[in-house]
Amino acid sequence: MRNEFTVFAIVSLLVVAGVGYFLWSPIWWSLIILLPIITIGFYDMFQSKHAIMRNFPILGRGRYVMENLRPKLYQYFIESETNGTPISRIFRSIVYQRAKHELATTPFGTQIDLYAEGYEWMNHSIAALNPNDLVQDPRITIGSPDCKQPYSAAIYNVSAMSFGSLSSAAIEALNGGAKIGQFAHNTGEGGISPYHLRQGGDLIYQVGTGYFGCRAKDGNFHPEEFKKRCENESVKMIELKLSQGAKPGHGGILPAKKNTPEIAKIRGIEPGIDVNSPPYHKAFNTPIGLLNLIQQMRELSGGKPIGFKLCIGHKSEFLSICKAMKQTGIYPDFISVDGGEGGTGAAPLEFSNSVGTPYREGLAFAYDALVGFDLKQYIKIIASGKIITSFDMFKTIALGADACYSARAMMLALGCIQALECNRNNCPTGVATQDPELVKGLVVSDKKERVANFQHETVHTFVELLAACGLDDMSKIKRHHIYRRITMKEILRYDEIYPYITKGSLLQEDTVPTNWKPYWLMASAESFVPNEDVVFS
């Protein structure tokens, strides 16, 4: 192939010379085009990193160009309305339409195969209600008996995304949308930045394993710094992150390119380096220790709602926390259940694809566990896991959630085009980058309105679904309202797939359901380590 390229270069130069001679045109005009190509070709012949470019100069380089363009070409020219990933075009489009207040109806019927395995739906009622007669902005009150400052939360909120993973303009626009729509904005584990505060929207301050914003010099939890952050009036709740759906058991990742001096100052870390939060907390190492930290945080915050977030992993560990709650009498005000399908800008492939319980199974298990230990009355559940439409919300509440988070849908409302460049610091829409030239393309005054529009329209449609089902309150949504096609001939309701357990049935060994007993026996309030000897000995 090298000989072929040499022949190509020689012939090209001869052609240019011939054309220049016969047409009396200066040769160098043609060389403006050909010389760079020839130069690149000679470079490719002698570089040693890419065999295909070394063997196929110029043409081999085209392979890398096409590899880079492939996701874009696929998204715009190949994928259908329903087969795109992580989020298909049909759902991206509905977010854009609602965010822009454009026509959001569908012509000529559904494009979804209603007879495909996994198709889900809800049934309407002949005695449907007028949605205008229902509460248009349903809310829940979060606060256990020990909470002094309960919070009235919307049912659809901005999930955890840190300043660092998202740009300053994106953070400010999300918070501005939360302010307009009166819903909550989770800060993510990167701490509270000035951009979280400029618009005055309600914040859920997330504290992760890195304790950013309330971090001591040795990397441990700093009570006084935490107290200072919680004194801000915008902070309505605090969420202690144990794990997240995108990479449970791994810890957060902030690439060096995104770790600017500004971000480093907010987080209390060194700038310009990769920052990997530890996969575990240093402030506790037992279920009782977790609850003691929650109690300490509640006191330091002045009695604001305190909760924890996790993707369900070993079931015995969650049951250990429940046993610790009963033993200590300390209850979190809320628990955020993330699913293994959670999204993020940077996560190892194996963790994104193969670690953590999907949100439906995780949510149903967490709800049932709280009911089984007679704890649900004190604790609200917020769920996340690719919740984009109002039907997603309906299904989530049917499984046991009281409210929902969304991250990627809110990013789409900001203008994200799913370019899949989140981890490279070159997001073309300025959403997930720290490049100032890209960030300036995201105009906060416009995007905050779009975020508010999307959230409002989605909640509005949820109320319409509630009315269509003949229900006048979302607390009446149960698992039997949702159906799933298992096979061509078999259909099951959610309550058949995820059967409820009896209230209080996990309080005593002799009443524990058979399929729960192995995990119940392994669980201990004194340790997260499962006692497998009692089950597998």
Protein backbone atom coordinates (compact mmCIF):
# COMPACT_ATOMS: atom_id res chain seq x y z
CA MET A 1 0.00 0.00 0.00
CA ARG A 2 2.94 2.31 0.60
CA ASN A 3 4.01 1.83 -3.03
CA GLU A 4 0.47 2.66 -4.13
CA PHE A 5 0.55 5.85 -2.07
CA THR A 6 3.93 6.82 -3.55
CA VAL A 7 2.54 6.30 -7.04
CA PHE A 8 -0.52 8.39 -6.07
CA ALA A 9 1.69 11.22 -4.82
CA ILE A 10 3.89 11.23 -7.93
CA VAL A 11 0.94 11.04 -10.34
CA SER A 12 -0.84 13.82 -8.46
CA LEU A 13 2.15 16.12 -8.74
CA LEU A 14 2.53 15.34 -12.45
CA VAL A 15 -1.16 16.05 -13.05
CA VAL A 16 -0.91 19.34 -11.24
CA ALA A 17 2.18 20.29 -13.21
CA GLY A 18 0.49 19.31 -16.49
CA VAL A 19 -2.68 21.23 -15.76
CA GLY A 20 -0.65 24.25 -14.72
CA TYR A 21 1.45 24.08 -17.90
CA PHE A 22 -1.42 23.74 -20.40
CA LEU A 23 -3.84 26.11 -18.71
CA TRP A 24 -1.23 28.67 -17.73
CA SER A 25 -2.52 28.40 -14.17
CA PRO A 26 -0.10 28.74 -11.28
CA ILE A 27 0.73 25.27 -10.02
CA TRP A 28 0.72 26.33 -6.39
CA TRP A 29 -3.03 26.90 -6.44
CA SER A 30 -3.58 23.17 -6.90
CA LEU A 31 -0.88 22.36 -4.40
CA ILE A 32 -2.88 24.14 -1.72
CA ILE A 33 -5.21 21.14 -1.81
CA LEU A 34 -2.84 18.31 -2.66
CA LEU A 35 0.23 19.11 -0.57
CA PRO A 36 -1.55 18.80 2.81
CA ILE A 37 -3.02 15.43 1.72
CA ILE A 38 0.37 14.19 0.56
CA THR A 39 2.03 15.45 3.75
CA ILE A 40 -0.52 13.65 5.92
CA GLY A 41 0.01 10.52 3.85
CA PHE A 42 3.78 10.53 4.37
CA TYR A 43 3.26 11.14 8.09
CA ASP A 44 0.86 8.20 8.30
CA MET A 45 3.40 5.95 6.57
CA PHE A 46 6.05 6.54 9.22
CA GLN A 47 4.01 6.94 12.45
CA SER A 48 3.97 3.83 14.66
CA LYS A 49 0.78 4.03 16.76
CA HIS A 50 -1.86 3.06 14.19
CA ALA A 51 -1.21 0.04 11.97
CA ILE A 52 -4.13 0.69 9.65
CA MET A 53 -2.93 4.24 8.92
CA ARG A 54 0.64 2.99 8.47
CA ASN A 55 -0.47 0.38 5.95
CA PHE A 56 -3.14 2.49 4.26
CA PRO A 57 -2.04 6.14 4.29
CA ILE A 58 -4.87 8.66 3.95
CA LEU A 59 -7.55 5.99 3.49
CA GLY A 60 -6.71 4.51 6.88
CA ARG A 61 -7.15 7.92 8.49
CA GLY A 62 -10.67 7.97 7.08
CA ARG A 63 -11.48 4.98 9.27
CA TYR A 64 -10.94 7.05 12.41
CA VAL A 65 -12.97 9.94 11.00
CA MET A 66 -15.90 7.61 10.32
CA GLU A 67 -15.54 5.99 13.76
CA ASN A 68 -15.93 9.42 15.31
CA LEU A 69 -18.91 10.30 13.11
CA ARG A 70 -20.63 6.93 13.50
CA PRO A 71 -22.81 7.78 16.58
CA LYS A 72 -23.97 11.01 14.93
CA LEU A 73 -24.73 9.38 11.59
CA TYR A 74 -26.57 6.54 13.30
CA GLN A 75 -28.68 8.91 15.39
CA TYR A 76 -29.77 11.09 12.50
CA PHE A 77 -29.91 8.73 9.52
CA ILE A 78 -30.29 5.13 10.73
CA GLU A 79 -32.04 4.73 14.07
CA SER A 80 -35.82 4.56 14.11
CA GLU A 81 -38.10 6.41 16.49
CA THR A 82 -38.02 3.55 18.99
CA ASN A 83 -34.69 1.65 18.80
CA GLY A 84 -32.18 4.31 19.86
CA THR A 85 -30.13 4.04 23.04
CA PRO A 86 -29.67 5.06 25.81
CA ILE A 87 -32.82 7.13 25.10
CA SER A 88 -34.72 6.57 21.88
CA ARG A 89 -35.74 9.38 19.55
CA ILE A 90 -39.41 9.17 20.43
CA PHE A 91 -38.65 10.06 24.05
CA ARG A 92 -35.99 12.64 23.22
CA SER A 93 -38.50 14.32 20.96
CA ILE A 94 -41.22 14.52 23.60
CA VAL A 95 -38.77 16.20 25.99
CA TYR A 96 -37.77 18.77 23.36
CA GLN A 97 -41.39 19.44 22.41
CA ARG A 98 -42.55 19.94 25.98
CA ALA A 99 -39.53 22.06 26.83
CA LYS A 100 -40.21 24.36 23.87
CA HIS A 101 -44.00 24.36 24.26
CA GLU A 102 -44.33 22.85 20.82
CA LEU A 103 -46.95 20.42 19.55
CA ALA A 104 -46.52 17.29 21.67
CA THR A 105 -49.15 15.00 20.20
CA THR A 106 -48.55 11.88 18.10
CA PRO A 107 -50.13 11.32 14.67
CA PHE A 108 -51.43 8.07 13.15
CA GLY A 109 -51.16 5.87 16.23
CA THR A 110 -48.35 4.40 18.29
CA GLN A 111 -45.04 3.26 16.81
CA ILE A 112 -44.49 0.86 19.70
CA ASP A 113 -45.18 -2.84 19.21
CA LEU A 114 -47.98 -3.54 21.69
CA TYR A 115 -47.46 -7.29 21.35
CA ALA A 116 -43.74 -7.30 22.07
CA GLU A 117 -42.47 -8.94 25.25
CA GLY A 118 -42.07 -6.31 27.97
CA TYR A 119 -44.71 -3.88 26.68
CA GLU A 120 -46.39 -2.14 29.62
CA TRP A 121 -49.61 -0.18 29.96
CA MET A 122 -52.27 1.06 32.34
CA ASN A 123 -56.00 0.64 31.87
CA HIS A 124 -58.38 3.57 31.81
CA SER A 125 -61.71 3.78 33.58
CA ILE A 126 -65.18 4.22 32.06
CA ALA A 127 -65.75 6.47 35.08
CA ALA A 128 -62.80 8.69 34.20
CA LEU A 129 -62.52 12.01 36.01
CA ASN A 130 -62.12 15.55 34.75
CA PRO A 131 -58.39 16.32 35.20
CA ASN A 132 -59.25 19.98 35.84
CA ASP A 133 -60.96 18.90 39.05
CA LEU A 134 -57.76 17.33 40.41
CA VAL A 135 -54.82 19.01 42.15
CA GLN A 136 -52.66 20.30 39.30
CA ASP A 137 -49.38 20.31 41.22
CA PRO A 138 -49.49 17.26 43.51
CA ARG A 139 -46.88 17.41 46.24
CA ILE A 140 -45.64 15.32 49.16
CA THR A 141 -44.44 16.38 52.59
CA ILE A 142 -41.06 14.96 53.54
CA GLY A 143 -40.21 14.84 57.22
CA SER A 144 -40.16 12.14 59.89
CA PRO A 145 -41.26 12.84 63.50
CA ASP A 146 -37.75 14.13 64.35
CA CYS A 147 -37.68 16.58 61.43
CA LYS A 148 -38.15 20.23 62.44
CA GLN A 149 -38.31 21.69 58.93
CA PRO A 150 -40.45 19.40 56.72
CA TYR A 151 -40.30 20.08 53.00
CA SER A 152 -43.20 20.14 50.54
CA ALA A 153 -41.68 18.45 47.49
CA ALA A 154 -42.87 18.25 43.90
CA ILE A 155 -43.35 14.77 42.47
CA TYR A 156 -40.83 15.35 39.62
CA ASN A 157 -37.44 16.84 40.44
CA VAL A 158 -33.92 17.32 39.05
CA SER A 159 -31.74 14.35 39.92
CA ALA A 160 -28.16 14.56 41.17
CA MET A 161 -25.71 16.10 38.69
CA SER A 162 -22.65 17.91 40.03
CA PHE A 163 -21.06 21.14 38.93
CA GLY A 164 -18.01 19.63 37.33
CA SER A 165 -19.82 16.94 35.44
CA LEU A 166 -22.18 19.67 34.19
CA SER A 167 -21.21 23.18 33.19
CA SER A 168 -21.86 26.31 35.23
CA ALA A 169 -24.53 27.44 32.76
CA ALA A 170 -26.26 24.06 32.87
CA ILE A 171 -26.33 24.05 36.67
CA GLU A 172 -27.68 27.60 36.79
CA ALA A 173 -30.35 26.85 34.18
CA LEU A 174 -31.50 23.73 36.03
CA ASN A 175 -31.78 25.68 39.25
CA GLY A 176 -33.56 28.52 37.47
CA GLY A 177 -36.06 26.03 36.10
CA ALA A 178 -36.55 24.60 39.59
CA LYS A 179 -37.21 28.12 40.88
CA ILE A 180 -39.82 28.83 38.20
CA GLY A 181 -41.55 25.47 38.57
CA GLN A 182 -41.20 25.17 42.35
CA PHE A 183 -39.49 21.80 42.26
CA ALA A 184 -36.21 20.62 43.78
CA HIS A 185 -32.72 20.53 42.30
CA ASN A 186 -30.29 17.91 43.64
CA THR A 187 -26.74 19.33 43.72
CA GLY A 188 -24.97 16.04 43.05
CA GLU A 189 -21.98 15.10 45.19
CA GLY A 190 -19.77 17.94 43.93
CA GLY A 191 -20.91 20.41 46.57
CA ILE A 192 -22.88 23.66 46.39
CA SER A 193 -21.46 26.04 43.80
CA PRO A 194 -22.37 29.72 43.25
CA TYR A 195 -24.31 28.55 40.18
CA HIS A 196 -26.60 26.48 42.39
CA LEU A 197 -27.50 29.61 44.32
CA ARG A 198 -27.84 32.44 41.78
CA GLN A 199 -31.38 31.61 40.70
CA GLY A 200 -32.70 30.80 44.19
CA GLY A 201 -34.24 27.42 43.41
CA ASP A 202 -34.75 24.80 46.11
CA LEU A 203 -31.72 22.56 46.64
CA ILE A 204 -31.22 19.03 47.87
CA TYR A 205 -27.62 19.07 49.06
CA GLN A 206 -26.03 15.73 48.28
CA VAL A 207 -23.08 14.53 50.34
CA GLY A 208 -21.11 11.70 48.76
CA THR A 209 -18.17 9.61 49.85
CA GLY A 210 -15.79 12.45 48.99
CA TYR A 211 -17.67 14.84 51.36
CA PHE A 212 -17.20 17.69 48.87
CA GLY A 213 -18.25 20.98 50.41
CA CYS A 214 -18.02 19.55 53.92
CA ARG A 215 -14.62 17.91 53.58
CA ALA A 216 -11.78 18.00 56.09
CA LYS A 217 -8.18 18.17 54.87
CA ASP A 218 -7.77 14.45 55.44
CA GLY A 219 -10.80 13.71 53.27
CA ASN A 220 -13.17 12.92 56.13
CA PHE A 221 -16.53 14.46 57.01
CA HIS A 222 -16.25 17.96 58.54
CA PRO A 223 -19.27 18.73 60.78
CA GLU A 224 -18.75 22.48 60.96
CA GLU A 225 -18.35 22.89 57.20
CA PHE A 226 -21.50 20.80 56.74
CA LYS A 227 -23.39 23.04 59.14
CA LYS A 228 -22.33 26.15 57.21
CA ARG A 229 -23.61 24.72 53.93
CA CYS A 230 -26.96 23.75 55.46
CA GLU A 231 -27.55 27.23 56.88
CA ASN A 232 -28.28 28.48 53.38
CA GLU A 233 -32.01 28.99 52.93
CA SER A 234 -31.95 27.38 49.49
CA VAL A 235 -30.95 24.05 51.03
CA LYS A 236 -34.22 22.31 51.79
CA MET A 237 -33.05 18.71 52.25
CA ILE A 238 -29.80 16.76 52.56
CA GLU A 239 -29.10 13.48 50.80
CA LEU A 240 -26.27 11.20 51.89
CA LYS A 241 -25.18 9.20 48.85
CA LEU A 242 -24.21 5.59 49.52
CA SER A 243 -24.15 4.55 45.86
CA GLN A 244 -25.54 5.55 42.48
CA GLY A 245 -27.07 3.56 39.66
CA ALA A 246 -24.49 4.33 36.99
CA LYS A 247 -21.57 2.87 38.91
CA PRO A 248 -22.71 1.40 42.24
CA GLY A 249 -19.87 0.32 44.49
CA HIS A 250 -17.38 2.38 42.49
CA GLY A 251 -17.50 6.00 43.65
CA GLY A 252 -17.77 9.18 41.61
CA ILE A 253 -15.37 10.11 38.80
CA LEU A 254 -14.29 13.63 37.89
CA PRO A 255 -11.88 13.61 34.90
CA ALA A 256 -8.83 15.89 35.20
CA LYS A 257 -10.00 18.00 32.24
CA LYS A 258 -13.12 18.96 34.17
CA ASN A 259 -11.32 19.57 37.47
CA THR A 260 -10.74 23.29 37.04
CA PRO A 261 -9.35 25.54 39.82
CA GLU A 262 -12.86 26.84 40.43
CA ILE A 263 -14.32 23.36 40.85
CA ALA A 264 -11.39 22.26 42.99
CA LYS A 265 -11.95 25.21 45.34
CA ILE A 266 -15.65 24.36 45.73
CA ARG A 267 -14.87 20.72 46.42
CA GLY A 268 -11.78 21.28 48.57
CA ILE A 269 -9.43 19.27 46.34
CA GLU A 270 -6.34 19.77 44.16
CA PRO A 271 -7.13 21.05 40.63
CA GLY A 272 -6.12 19.41 37.35
CA ILE A 273 -6.14 15.80 38.52
CA ASP A 274 -8.59 12.90 38.17
CA VAL A 275 -10.74 12.76 41.29
CA ASN A 276 -12.14 9.36 42.18
CA SER A 277 -14.38 9.39 45.23
CA PRO A 278 -13.93 6.29 47.40
CA PRO A 279 -16.58 3.59 46.99
CA TYR A 280 -17.35 3.63 50.72
CA HIS A 281 -17.90 6.17 53.51
CA LYS A 282 -15.21 6.92 56.07
CA ALA A 283 -17.67 8.43 58.57
CA PHE A 284 -19.31 5.07 59.33
CA ASN A 285 -18.92 1.37 58.63
CA THR A 286 -22.05 -0.20 60.18
CA PRO A 287 -25.81 0.28 59.71
CA ILE A 288 -26.07 1.83 63.17
CA GLY A 289 -23.16 4.11 62.31
CA LEU A 290 -25.03 5.26 59.19
CA LEU A 291 -28.08 6.18 61.24
CA ASN A 292 -25.96 7.97 63.83
CA LEU A 293 -24.48 10.09 61.05
CA ILE A 294 -27.99 10.85 59.76
CA GLN A 295 -28.99 11.94 63.26
CA GLN A 296 -25.87 14.11 63.53
CA MET A 297 -26.63 15.70 60.15
CA ARG A 298 -30.22 16.37 61.21
CA GLU A 299 -29.01 18.22 64.31
CA LEU A 300 -26.31 20.14 62.44
CA SER A 301 -28.77 21.22 59.75
CA GLY A 302 -31.29 22.57 62.20
CA GLY A 303 -33.76 19.75 61.69
CA LYS A 304 -33.97 19.71 57.89
CA PRO A 305 -35.02 16.46 56.19
CA ILE A 306 -32.12 14.00 55.91
CA GLY A 307 -32.14 10.96 53.66
CA PHE A 308 -29.81 8.60 51.91
CA LYS A 309 -29.48 7.48 48.31
CA LEU A 310 -28.50 4.03 47.07
CA CYS A 311 -28.77 1.59 44.25
CA ILE A 312 -29.96 -1.67 45.80
CA GLY A 313 -27.12 -4.18 45.97
CA HIS A 314 -26.96 -7.01 48.50
CA LYS A 315 -30.51 -7.23 49.84
CA SER A 316 -29.29 -8.21 53.28
CA GLU A 317 -27.53 -4.84 53.61
CA PHE A 318 -30.74 -2.86 53.13
CA LEU A 319 -32.48 -5.14 55.58
CA SER A 320 -29.60 -4.50 58.01
CA ILE A 321 -30.35 -0.78 57.79
CA CYS A 322 -34.03 -1.47 58.46
CA LYS A 323 -33.13 -3.57 61.50
CA ALA A 324 -30.89 -0.74 62.71
CA MET A 325 -33.78 1.72 62.34
CA LYS A 326 -35.99 -0.42 64.54
CA GLN A 327 -33.20 -0.89 67.06
CA THR A 328 -32.17 2.78 67.33
CA GLY A 329 -35.45 4.54 66.58
CA ILE A 330 -33.58 6.78 64.13
CA TYR A 331 -35.38 7.16 60.81
CA PRO A 332 -34.22 8.93 57.68
CA ASP A 333 -36.84 11.30 56.32
CA PHE A 334 -36.51 9.87 52.83
CA ILE A 335 -34.66 7.22 50.86
CA SER A 336 -33.68 7.75 47.21
CA VAL A 337 -33.62 4.51 45.25
CA ASP A 338 -31.55 4.67 42.07
CA GLY A 339 -31.59 1.99 39.40
CA GLY A 340 -28.77 0.17 37.69
CA GLU A 341 -29.86 1.89 34.45
CA GLY A 342 -28.87 5.25 35.93
CA GLY A 343 -26.92 7.63 33.72
CA THR A 344 -23.74 9.60 34.24
CA GLY A 345 -21.00 11.30 32.31
CA ALA A 346 -18.24 8.88 33.29
CA ALA A 347 -18.49 5.25 34.39
CA PRO A 348 -16.64 2.02 33.58
CA LEU A 349 -18.59 -0.04 31.03
CA GLU A 350 -18.92 -3.07 33.27
CA PHE A 351 -20.45 -0.99 36.07
CA SER A 352 -22.93 0.74 33.75
CA ASN A 353 -23.99 -2.51 32.11
CA SER A 354 -23.75 -5.19 34.75
CA VAL A 355 -23.72 -3.88 38.34
CA GLY A 356 -26.65 -2.87 40.51
CA THR A 357 -30.33 -3.78 40.69
CA PRO A 358 -32.55 -2.16 38.02
CA TYR A 359 -34.79 0.50 39.50
CA ARG A 360 -38.10 -1.36 39.28
CA GLU A 361 -36.86 -4.39 41.20
CA GLY A 362 -34.87 -2.20 43.58
CA LEU A 363 -37.77 0.16 44.23
CA ALA A 364 -40.29 -2.61 44.81
CA PHE A 365 -37.88 -4.35 47.20
CA ALA A 366 -37.13 -1.16 49.17
CA TYR A 367 -40.81 -0.30 49.53
CA ASP A 368 -41.72 -3.82 50.62
CA ALA A 369 -38.86 -3.92 53.11
CA LEU A 370 -40.01 -0.68 54.74
CA VAL A 371 -43.58 -1.97 54.89
CA GLY A 372 -42.38 -5.30 56.29
CA PHE A 373 -40.53 -3.52 59.09
CA ASP A 374 -43.48 -1.12 59.62
CA LEU A 375 -41.28 1.86 58.71
CA LYS A 376 -42.89 3.23 55.56
CA GLN A 377 -45.17 5.55 57.52
CA TYR A 378 -42.11 7.60 58.53
CA ILE A 379 -40.09 7.51 55.32
CA LYS A 380 -40.77 8.82 51.82
CA ILE A 381 -39.19 7.18 48.76
CA ILE A 382 -37.81 9.10 45.79
CA ALA A 383 -36.97 6.97 42.77
CA SER A 384 -34.74 7.53 39.74
CA GLY A 385 -33.83 5.45 36.71
CA LYS A 386 -34.57 6.89 33.25
CA ILE A 387 -37.92 8.37 34.32
CA ILE A 388 -38.82 10.55 31.33
CA THR A 389 -42.56 10.51 30.71
CA SER A 390 -45.60 10.85 32.93
CA PHE A 391 -46.32 7.14 32.38
CA ASP A 392 -42.83 6.40 33.74
CA MET A 393 -43.84 8.40 36.81
CA PHE A 394 -47.15 6.52 37.08
CA LYS A 395 -45.35 3.14 36.99
CA THR A 396 -42.78 4.33 39.51
CA ILE A 397 -45.40 5.49 41.99
CA ALA A 398 -47.30 2.23 41.48
CA LEU A 399 -44.20 0.36 42.62
CA GLY A 400 -43.99 2.37 45.84
CA ALA A 401 -42.28 5.70 45.16
CA ASP A 402 -43.69 8.93 46.55
CA ALA A 403 -41.80 11.16 44.12
CA CYS A 404 -39.39 10.92 41.19
CA TYR A 405 -36.01 12.23 40.09
CA SER A 406 -34.81 12.67 36.51
CA ALA A 407 -31.33 13.54 35.26
CA ARG A 408 -31.10 12.76 31.56
CA ALA A 409 -34.57 14.11 30.75
CA MET A 410 -33.62 17.40 32.42
CA MET A 411 -30.39 17.44 30.41
CA LEU A 412 -32.39 16.96 27.22
CA ALA A 413 -34.65 19.84 28.27
CA LEU A 414 -31.48 21.96 28.50
CA GLY A 415 -30.68 21.10 24.89
CA CYS A 416 -28.57 17.94 25.23
CA ILE A 417 -28.55 16.06 21.91
CA GLN A 418 -27.26 12.74 23.30
CA ALA A 419 -23.91 13.23 21.55
CA LEU A 420 -22.35 10.77 24.05
CA GLU A 421 -19.40 13.09 24.68
CA CYS A 422 -20.13 13.66 28.40
CA ASN A 423 -16.85 12.14 29.55
CA ARG A 424 -14.61 13.99 27.07
CA ASN A 425 -15.20 17.63 28.04
CA ASN A 426 -16.32 18.54 24.50
CA CYS A 427 -20.13 18.41 24.82
CA PRO A 428 -21.32 20.38 21.76
CA THR A 429 -24.31 21.91 23.56
CA GLY A 430 -22.35 23.20 26.57
CA VAL A 431 -24.24 20.99 29.03
CA ALA A 432 -21.56 18.51 30.15
CA THR A 433 -18.30 20.41 29.65
CA GLN A 434 -16.03 22.94 31.32
CA ASP A 435 -14.77 24.39 28.01
CA PRO A 436 -15.68 28.12 28.18
CA GLU A 437 -16.13 28.33 24.41
CA LEU A 438 -18.74 25.58 24.51
CA VAL A 439 -20.39 26.67 27.75
CA LYS A 440 -21.17 30.13 26.39
CA GLY A 441 -23.50 28.56 23.82
CA LEU A 442 -25.93 27.60 26.61
CA VAL A 443 -28.04 30.67 27.44
CA VAL A 444 -29.38 30.39 30.99
CA SER A 445 -32.35 32.74 30.52
CA ASP A 446 -33.71 30.56 27.70
CA LYS A 447 -32.86 27.11 29.04
CA LYS A 448 -34.27 27.62 32.52
CA GLU A 449 -37.66 28.31 30.95
CA ARG A 450 -37.38 25.10 28.95
CA VAL A 451 -36.57 23.06 32.04
CA ALA A 452 -39.58 24.53 33.84
CA ASN A 453 -41.81 23.93 30.81
CA PHE A 454 -40.78 20.29 30.53
CA GLN A 455 -41.34 19.55 34.20
CA HIS A 456 -44.71 21.34 34.23
CA GLU A 457 -46.01 19.64 31.08
CA THR A 458 -44.92 16.20 32.30
CA VAL A 459 -46.64 16.65 35.67
CA HIS A 460 -49.72 18.00 33.89
CA THR A 461 -49.90 14.87 31.73
CA PHE A 462 -49.43 12.73 34.84
CA VAL A 463 -52.54 14.35 36.33
CA GLU A 464 -54.40 13.55 33.11
CA LEU A 465 -53.33 9.90 33.40
CA LEU A 466 -54.51 9.86 37.00
CA ALA A 467 -57.92 11.18 35.93
CA ALA A 468 -58.14 8.73 33.01
CA CYS A 469 -57.58 5.90 35.47
CA GLY A 470 -60.50 7.17 37.58
CA LEU A 471 -58.29 8.14 40.53
CA ASP A 472 -58.49 11.47 42.32
CA ASP A 473 -55.24 11.17 44.28
CA MET A 474 -51.86 9.68 43.40
CA SER A 475 -51.73 7.84 46.75
CA LYS A 476 -54.40 5.54 45.27
CA ILE A 477 -52.08 4.30 42.50
CA LYS A 478 -51.27 0.64 43.20
CA ARG A 479 -49.32 -2.09 41.46
CA HIS A 480 -52.45 -3.69 40.05
CA HIS A 481 -52.94 -0.64 37.82
CA ILE A 482 -49.94 -1.57 35.63
CA TYR A 483 -49.83 -4.49 33.18
CA ARG A 484 -46.87 -6.07 31.42
CA ARG A 485 -46.83 -8.48 28.50
CA ILE A 486 -44.68 -11.44 29.50
CA THR A 487 -45.20 -13.50 26.34
CA MET A 488 -47.55 -13.32 23.38
CA LYS A 489 -50.15 -15.18 25.44
CA GLU A 490 -49.34 -14.14 29.02
CA ILE A 491 -50.03 -10.81 30.72
CA LEU A 492 -49.29 -10.06 34.38
CA ARG A 493 -50.05 -7.14 36.64
CA TYR A 494 -47.29 -5.50 38.63
CA ASP A 495 -48.73 -6.88 41.86
CA GLU A 496 -48.32 -10.38 40.40
CA ILE A 497 -44.75 -9.70 39.28
CA TYR A 498 -43.84 -7.77 42.44
CA PRO A 499 -46.23 -9.13 45.10
CA TYR A 500 -46.79 -7.03 48.21
CA ILE A 501 -45.81 -8.37 51.61
CA THR A 502 -47.79 -8.00 54.81
CA LYS A 503 -47.18 -4.94 56.97
CA GLY A 504 -44.93 -5.87 59.91
CA SER A 505 -44.11 -9.31 58.53
CA LEU A 506 -40.35 -8.71 58.76
CA LEU A 507 -40.34 -7.84 62.44
CA GLN A 508 -40.22 -11.44 63.68
CA GLU A 509 -38.49 -14.46 62.15
CA ASP A 510 -41.56 -16.66 62.27
CA THR A 511 -43.59 -14.26 60.09
CA VAL A 512 -40.91 -13.56 57.47
CA PRO A 513 -42.00 -14.73 53.97
CA THR A 514 -40.06 -17.73 52.71
CA ASN A 515 -38.40 -15.91 49.82
CA TRP A 516 -37.24 -13.13 52.17
CA LYS A 517 -35.91 -15.34 54.95
CA PRO A 518 -32.33 -15.96 53.64
CA TYR A 519 -31.69 -12.21 53.35
CA TRP A 520 -33.42 -11.51 56.68
CA LEU A 521 -31.25 -14.06 58.48
CA MET A 522 -28.06 -12.65 56.95
CA ALA A 523 -28.93 -9.09 58.02
CA SER A 524 -27.64 -7.50 61.23
CA ALA A 525 -27.95 -3.98 62.60
CA GLU A 526 -24.33 -4.20 63.76
CA SER A 527 -22.71 -4.97 60.40
CA PHE A 528 -23.15 -4.65 56.64
CA VAL A 529 -21.30 -7.93 56.19
CA PRO A 530 -23.93 -10.63 55.61
CA ASN A 531 -23.91 -13.55 57.99
CA GLU A 532 -23.98 -16.20 55.28
CA ASP A 533 -23.20 -19.01 57.72
CA VAL A 534 -26.80 -19.02 58.95
CA VAL A 535 -28.04 -19.71 55.43
CA PHE A 536 -25.34 -21.51 53.48
CA SER A 537 -23.56 -23.52 56.18
